[in-house]
Amino acid sequence: KVLDYGDVLLREADVELLEGPHWLNDQIVSFYFEYLEREALPATSAAAAISGVLLLPPATSFLLMHAGPDMAGDILGPLKPHSRGLVLLPVNDNPDVDRAAGGSHWSLLVFHRPSNTLRHYDSSGGSGSSGTGSSGASGGGPRFVEVVDTPRQCNGYDCGVYVLAVAR
């Protein structure tokens, strides 16, 4: 064990990923989101605004992606996303529910409640997305926007770093 911080435990193997060139794992992304929630947001926001941001850890995003819409309420309910103006979900492209640490690409999905939009930030230009540009919402759901001016990575492993930078 290298660091026990909030709900995240970092081990030596996790920290070694930061020496690169390596793809960031769930633990590193979880740590950074925990750090933002505990340190960065309180330092830059009024107390009322802090509760307006929900930073979901990768494990929760993964569960939401693979559990199905009927379970989303059970998963998200205790986190009170309906009271948040901004919800950030780090997403990886792992299709294998039996391998939680899998996948090869990170992107960031951000729900912005005031505009009712889901904004997708992908540093590889859409390899982890299902569309480009924006699409209208059907049935009053959020409008999906592929953020085309997201900074682009120039290699195959920095996607996680870009997710952290955009989340900040």
Foldseek 3Di string as FASTA:
>chain_A
DPDDADPADDDPVQVVVVVDPAAHWLRVLQVLLSCCLPPVDVVPHDPVQSLQEAEDGQVLLVCDVPVDPVCNCVSCVVSPNVSHQKYKYWYFQDPDPVDSGDGQAIWIWMQGNVQQETEIAGQAQAPRHDDAAWDDDPPPHGTYGYPRPQHHDDDRHCRSVSRSVVVD
